[in-house]
C-alpha atoms as a PDB file:
ATOM      1  CA  MET A   1      11.123 -18.079 -40.276  1.00  0.00           C
ATOM      2  CA  ALA A   2       7.718 -17.775 -38.800  1.00  0.00           C
ATOM      3  CA  ASN A   3       6.890 -15.411 -35.998  1.00  0.00           C
ATOM      4  CA  LEU A   4       4.407 -16.893 -33.624  1.00  0.00           C
ATOM      5  CA  LEU A   5       3.985 -13.824 -31.397  1.00  0.00           C
ATOM      6  CA  PRO A   6       0.925 -11.692 -31.889  1.00  0.00           C
ATOM      7  CA  ARG A   7       1.395  -8.405 -33.767  1.00  0.00           C
ATOM      8  CA  GLU A   8       0.684  -6.170 -30.717  1.00  0.00           C
ATOM      9  CA  HIS A   9       3.331  -7.981 -28.748  1.00  0.00           C
ATOM     10  CA  ILE A  10       5.866  -7.520 -31.547  1.00  0.00           C
ATOM     11  CA  ASP A  11       5.072  -3.783 -31.767  1.00  0.00           C
ATOM     12  CA  THR A  12       5.424  -3.440 -28.005  1.00  0.00           C
ATOM     13  CA  ARG A  13       8.807  -5.173 -28.111  1.00  0.00           C
ATOM     14  CA  LYS A  14       9.984  -2.864 -30.953  1.00  0.00           C
ATOM     15  CA  ARG A  15       8.919   0.234 -28.997  1.00  0.00           C
ATOM     16  CA  GLN A  16      10.679  -1.045 -25.852  1.00  0.00           C
ATOM     17  CA  HIS A  17      13.837  -1.764 -27.866  1.00  0.00           C
ATOM     18  CA  THR A  18      13.750   1.708 -29.488  1.00  0.00           C
ATOM     19  CA  LEU A  19      13.146   3.288 -26.093  1.00  0.00           C
ATOM     20  CA  ARG A  20      16.106   1.376 -24.607  1.00  0.00           C
ATOM     21  CA  LEU A  21      18.385   2.528 -27.472  1.00  0.00           C
ATOM     22  CA  LEU A  22      17.175   6.115 -27.115  1.00  0.00           C
ATOM     23  CA  THR A  23      17.726   5.996 -23.340  1.00  0.00           C
ATOM     24  CA  LEU A  24      21.204   4.524 -23.828  1.00  0.00           C
ATOM     25  CA  PHE A  25      22.038   7.262 -26.358  1.00  0.00           C
ATOM     26  CA  CYS A  26      20.789   9.997 -24.004  1.00  0.00           C
ATOM     27  CA  PHE A  27      22.743   8.645 -21.054  1.00  0.00           C
ATOM     28  CA  SER A  28      25.881   8.263 -23.202  1.00  0.00           C
ATOM     29  CA  PHE A  29      25.545  11.797 -24.574  1.00  0.00           C
ATOM     30  CA  GLY A  30      24.836  13.196 -21.094  1.00  0.00           C
ATOM     31  CA  GLY A  31      27.800  11.343 -19.603  1.00  0.00           C
ATOM     32  CA  ALA A  32      30.132  12.577 -22.349  1.00  0.00           C
ATOM     33  CA  ALA A  33      28.864  16.134 -21.843  1.00  0.00           C
ATOM     34  CA  ALA A  34      29.391  15.888 -18.070  1.00  0.00           C
ATOM     35  CA  ILE A  35      32.926  14.511 -18.503  1.00  0.00           C
ATOM     36  CA  GLY A  36      33.743  17.223 -21.052  1.00  0.00           C
ATOM     37  CA  ALA A  37      32.396  19.931 -18.763  1.00  0.00           C
ATOM     38  CA  PHE A  38      34.433  18.560 -15.869  1.00  0.00           C
ATOM     39  CA  ILE A  39      37.579  18.442 -18.004  1.00  0.00           C
ATOM     40  CA  LEU A  40      37.046  22.032 -19.196  1.00  0.00           C
ATOM     41  CA  LEU A  41      36.037  23.294 -15.761  1.00  0.00           C
ATOM     42  CA  SER A  42      39.446  22.663 -14.174  1.00  0.00           C
ATOM     43  CA  PRO A  43      41.430  24.836 -16.631  1.00  0.00           C
ATOM     44  CA  TYR A  44      38.743  27.510 -16.441  1.00  0.00           C
ATOM     45  CA  ILE A  45      38.984  27.661 -12.649  1.00  0.00           C
ATOM     46  CA  LEU A  46      42.782  27.739 -12.817  1.00  0.00           C
ATOM     47  CA  THR A  47      42.716  30.512 -15.417  1.00  0.00           C
ATOM     48  CA  VAL A  48      40.322  32.628 -13.372  1.00  0.00           C
ATOM     49  CA  ARG A  49      42.439  32.068 -10.272  1.00  0.00           C
ATOM     50  CA  GLU A  50      45.658  32.926 -12.130  1.00  0.00           C
ATOM     51  CA  THR A  51      44.034  36.133 -13.406  1.00  0.00           C
ATOM     52  CA  GLU A  52      43.064  37.077  -9.860  1.00  0.00           C
ATOM     53  CA  ILE A  53      46.609  36.374  -8.629  1.00  0.00           C
ATOM     54  CA  LEU A  54      48.106  38.502 -11.413  1.00  0.00           C
ATOM     55  CA  LYS A  55      45.715  41.350 -10.618  1.00  0.00           C
ATOM     56  CA  TYR A  56      46.725  41.122  -6.968  1.00  0.00           C
ATOM     57  CA  GLU A  57      50.439  41.176  -7.904  1.00  0.00           C
ATOM     58  CA  ILE A  58      49.930  44.208 -10.167  1.00  0.00           C
ATOM     59  CA  ASP A  59      48.116  46.026  -7.365  1.00  0.00           C
ATOM     60  CA  ALA A  60      50.910  45.131  -4.943  1.00  0.00           C
ATOM     61  CA  LEU A  61      53.563  46.385  -7.376  1.00  0.00           C
ATOM     62  CA  GLN A  62      51.680  49.615  -7.901  1.00  0.00           C
ATOM     63  CA  ALA A  63      51.310  50.041  -4.142  1.00  0.00           C
ATOM     64  CA  SER A  64      55.026  49.424  -3.586  1.00  0.00           C
ATOM     65  CA  THR A  65      55.844  51.883  -6.368  1.00  0.00           C
ATOM     66  CA  ASP A  66      53.597  54.453  -4.698  1.00  0.00           C
ATOM     67  CA  MET A  67      55.295  53.802  -1.361  1.00  0.00           C
ATOM     68  CA  ARG A  68      58.732  54.432  -2.896  1.00  0.00           C
ATOM     69  CA  GLY A  69      57.702  57.940  -3.781  1.00  0.00           C
ATOM     70  CA  THR A  70      56.837  57.719  -7.433  1.00  0.00           C
ATOM     71  CA  THR A  71      53.474  58.985  -8.530  1.00  0.00           C
ATOM     72  CA  GLY A  72      51.649  55.920  -9.746  1.00  0.00           C
ATOM     73  CA  GLY A  73      52.188  54.257 -13.081  1.00  0.00           C
ATOM     74  CA  SER A  74      53.327  57.353 -14.971  1.00  0.00           C
ATOM     75  CA  GLY A  75      56.285  57.816 -12.605  1.00  0.00           C
ATOM     76  CA  GLY A  76      57.390  54.255 -13.246  1.00  0.00           C
ATOM     77  CA  ILE A  77      57.062  54.785 -16.978  1.00  0.00           C
ATOM     78  CA  THR A  78      59.123  57.972 -16.751  1.00  0.00           C
ATOM     79  CA  GLN A  79      61.771  56.188 -14.733  1.00  0.00           C
ATOM     80  CA  ALA A  80      61.822  53.313 -17.215  1.00  0.00           C
ATOM     81  CA  ARG A  81      62.159  55.780 -20.093  1.00  0.00           C
ATOM     82  CA  LEU A  82      65.151  57.413 -18.368  1.00  0.00           C
ATOM     83  CA  LEU A  83      66.791  54.028 -17.869  1.00  0.00           C
ATOM     84  CA  ILE A  84      66.213  53.104 -21.509  1.00  0.00           C
ATOM     85  CA  GLU A  85      67.787  56.388 -22.588  1.00  0.00           C
ATOM     86  CA  ALA A  86      70.773  55.689 -20.321  1.00  0.00           C
ATOM     87  CA  VAL A  87      71.209  52.216 -21.820  1.00  0.00           C
ATOM     88  CA  ASP A  88      70.962  53.721 -25.304  1.00  0.00           C
ATOM     89  CA  GLU A  89      73.628  56.276 -24.411  1.00  0.00           C
ATOM     90  CA  ALA A  90      75.784  53.517 -22.929  1.00  0.00           C
ATOM     91  CA  SER A  91      75.552  51.467 -26.106  1.00  0.00           C
ATOM     92  CA  ARG A  92      76.634  54.516 -28.119  1.00  0.00           C
ATOM     93  CA  ASN A  93      79.553  55.056 -25.732  1.00  0.00           C
ATOM     94  CA  SER A  94      80.770  51.438 -25.659  1.00  0.00           C
ATOM     95  CA  GLY A  95      83.832  52.352 -27.745  1.00  0.00           C
ATOM     96  CA  ARG A  96      84.588  55.192 -25.336  1.00  0.00           C
ATOM     97  CA  ALA A  97      84.300  52.790 -22.411  1.00  0.00           C
ATOM     98  CA  ARG A  98      86.774  50.381 -24.007  1.00  0.00           C
ATOM     99  CA  GLU A  99      89.257  53.177 -24.653  1.00  0.00           C
ATOM    100  CA  THR A 100      88.893  54.442 -21.080  1.00  0.00           C
ATOM    101  CA  MET A 101      89.445  50.930 -19.708  1.00  0.00           C
ATOM    102  CA  ARG A 102      92.560  50.581 -21.888  1.00  0.00           C
ATOM    103  CA  THR A 103      93.831  53.847 -20.423  1.00  0.00           C
ATOM    104  CA  VAL A 104      93.290  52.516 -16.896  1.00  0.00           C
ATOM    105  CA  ILE A 105      95.145  49.303 -17.699  1.00  0.00           C
ATOM    106  CA  SER A 106      98.009  51.218 -19.280  1.00  0.00           C
ATOM    107  CA  LYS A 107      98.408  53.305 -16.093  1.00  0.00           C
ATOM    108  CA  LYS A 108      98.665  50.202 -13.891  1.00  0.00           C
ATOM    109  CA  THR A 109     101.894  50.203 -11.909  1.00  0.00           C
ATOM    110  CA  SER A 110     103.863  47.254 -10.603  1.00  0.00           C
ATOM    111  CA  GLY A 111     102.456  46.019  -7.326  1.00  0.00           C
ATOM    112  CA  VAL A 112      98.862  46.700  -8.426  1.00  0.00           C
ATOM    113  CA  ALA A 113      96.682  43.850  -9.683  1.00  0.00           C
ATOM    114  CA  ILE A 114      93.416  44.938 -11.287  1.00  0.00           C
ATOM    115  CA  ARG A 115      90.660  42.361 -10.840  1.00  0.00           C
ATOM    116  CA  HIS A 116      87.574  44.167 -12.173  1.00  0.00           C
ATOM    117  CA  ILE A 117      86.791  47.269 -14.171  1.00  0.00           C
ATOM    118  CA  ILE A 118      83.089  48.009 -14.231  1.00  0.00           C
ATOM    119  CA  SER A 119      81.665  50.709 -16.468  1.00  0.00           C
ATOM    120  CA  GLU A 120      78.468  52.305 -15.114  1.00  0.00           C
ATOM    121  CA  TYR A 121      76.221  54.983 -16.560  1.00  0.00           C
ATOM    122  CA  ASP A 122      73.773  57.200 -14.720  1.00  0.00           C
ATOM    123  CA  THR A 123      70.465  58.400 -16.150  1.00  0.00           C
ATOM    124  CA  SER A 124      72.095  61.441 -17.750  1.00  0.00           C
ATOM    125  CA  GLY A 125      74.524  59.192 -19.661  1.00  0.00           C
ATOM    126  CA  ASP A 126      77.644  60.120 -17.670  1.00  0.00           C
ATOM    127  CA  MET A 127      80.082  57.236 -17.291  1.00  0.00           C
ATOM    128  CA  ARG A 128      82.008  56.190 -14.222  1.00  0.00           C
ATOM    129  CA  LEU A 129      84.494  53.351 -13.805  1.00  0.00           C
ATOM    130  CA  ARG A 130      84.824  51.240 -10.695  1.00  0.00           C
ATOM    131  CA  ILE A 131      88.292  49.729 -10.611  1.00  0.00           C
ATOM    132  CA  SER A 132      88.780  46.937  -8.070  1.00  0.00           C
ATOM    133  CA  GLY A 133      91.987  45.173  -7.317  1.00  0.00           C
ATOM    134  CA  VAL A 134      94.758  44.414  -4.847  1.00  0.00           C
ATOM    135  CA  ALA A 135      97.872  46.440  -4.109  1.00  0.00           C
ATOM    136  CA  SER A 136     100.609  44.058  -3.020  1.00  0.00           C
ATOM    137  CA  LEU A 137     103.128  46.839  -2.300  1.00  0.00           C
ATOM    138  CA  SER A 138     102.312  49.579   0.208  1.00  0.00           C
ATOM    139  CA  GLY A 139     103.133  52.534  -2.054  1.00  0.00           C
ATOM    140  CA  ALA A 140     101.813  51.068  -5.305  1.00  0.00           C
ATOM    141  CA  LEU A 141      98.207  52.266  -4.982  1.00  0.00           C
ATOM    142  CA  PRO A 142      99.007  55.995  -4.476  1.00  0.00           C
ATOM    143  CA  VAL A 143     101.305  55.888  -7.514  1.00  0.00           C
ATOM    144  CA  PHE A 144      98.533  54.246  -9.585  1.00  0.00           C
ATOM    145  CA  VAL A 145      95.945  56.799  -8.405  1.00  0.00           C
ATOM    146  CA  ASP A 146      98.322  59.694  -9.131  1.00  0.00           C
ATOM    147  CA  ALA A 147      98.910  58.320 -12.638  1.00  0.00           C
ATOM    148  CA  LEU A 148      95.141  58.231 -13.246  1.00  0.00           C
ATOM    149  CA  ARG A 149      94.693  61.764 -11.866  1.00  0.00           C
ATOM    150  CA  ALA A 150      97.509  63.065 -14.083  1.00  0.00           C
ATOM    151  CA  ASP A 151      95.857  61.643 -17.216  1.00  0.00           C
ATOM    152  CA  SER A 152      93.593  64.115 -19.003  1.00  0.00           C
ATOM    153  CA  SER A 153      91.135  61.283 -19.754  1.00  0.00           C
ATOM    154  CA  PHE A 154      89.761  61.539 -16.207  1.00  0.00           C
ATOM    155  CA  SER A 155      88.064  64.540 -14.640  1.00  0.00           C
ATOM    156  CA  LEU A 156      87.976  63.006 -11.150  1.00  0.00           C
ATOM    157  CA  VAL A 157      89.523  59.980  -9.446  1.00  0.00           C
ATOM    158  CA  GLU A 158      88.235  58.985  -6.013  1.00  0.00           C
ATOM    159  CA  VAL A 159      89.816  56.487  -3.661  1.00  0.00           C
ATOM    160  CA  PRO A 160      88.800  55.756  -0.049  1.00  0.00           C
ATOM    161  CA  LEU A 161      91.306  56.703   2.618  1.00  0.00           C
ATOM    162  CA  SER A 162      91.166  53.171   3.991  1.00  0.00           C
ATOM    163  CA  ALA A 163      92.524  51.893   0.677  1.00  0.00           C
ATOM    164  CA  LEU A 164      95.341  54.448   0.686  1.00  0.00           C
ATOM    165  CA  ALA A 165      96.163  53.543   4.290  1.00  0.00           C
ATOM    166  CA  ASN A 166      96.158  49.858   3.268  1.00  0.00           C
ATOM    167  CA  THR A 167      93.806  48.910   6.126  1.00  0.00           C
ATOM    168  CA  ARG A 168      91.966  46.264   4.078  1.00  0.00           C
ATOM    169  CA  GLY A 169      94.863  43.973   3.237  1.00  0.00           C
ATOM    170  CA  GLY A 170      95.665  45.730  -0.028  1.00  0.00           C
ATOM    171  CA  ALA A 171      92.182  45.417  -1.545  1.00  0.00           C
ATOM    172  CA  PHE A 172      90.941  48.625  -3.122  1.00  0.00           C
ATOM    173  CA  THR A 173      88.158  50.125  -5.193  1.00  0.00           C
ATOM    174  CA  VAL A 174      88.880  53.302  -7.132  1.00  0.00           C
ATOM    175  CA  THR A 175      86.139  55.306  -8.829  1.00  0.00           C
ATOM    176  CA  ALA A 176      87.205  57.239 -11.921  1.00  0.00           C
ATOM    177  CA  TYR A 177      85.056  59.711 -13.854  1.00  0.00           C
ATOM    178  CA  PRO A 178      86.169  60.097 -17.463  1.00  0.00           C
ATOM    179  CA  THR A 179      86.082  63.551 -18.988  1.00  0.00           C
ATOM    180  CA  THR A 180      83.028  64.178 -21.112  1.00  0.00           C
ATOM    181  CA  THR A 181      83.722  64.778 -24.764  1.00  0.00           C
ATOM    182  CA  PRO A 182      81.855  67.731 -26.288  1.00  0.00           C
END
């Protein structure tokens, strides 16, 4: 195949073609870089914003902790440590709680229906039971309370006067404090 164009013209065409390819490559690379930057910019902005929101929430929590009377972060840590110790003590006393609940159930008299027995521990590890139920007979609750008070498993049994007077339709909540074992 014979080329009838002069040599300068052919060289000019080759340079123009190379320049077009180089320009196309640059625009393609630049476009890909711009798209990549745009794709990465959105998560970056969201991450920075989320960090700012979390910092604001931490500051708000610290401010609310300060307003409740604790002394900054160390007071919250101390309070958390006390709660962890109470939970640890409660887990060690779970067998004791079961035995105490069995004692309560065994003292139940006819006319008393126990719905809930909740075992609670304070920060010093002392247990208390909240016994909720319904007394269908008018004299059944005082007999039940007297049976709990007579048992040596309990150091104190509290019952509201309204429950003893049966002013709430027989519903009651009794708080019992088991004796502490040395």
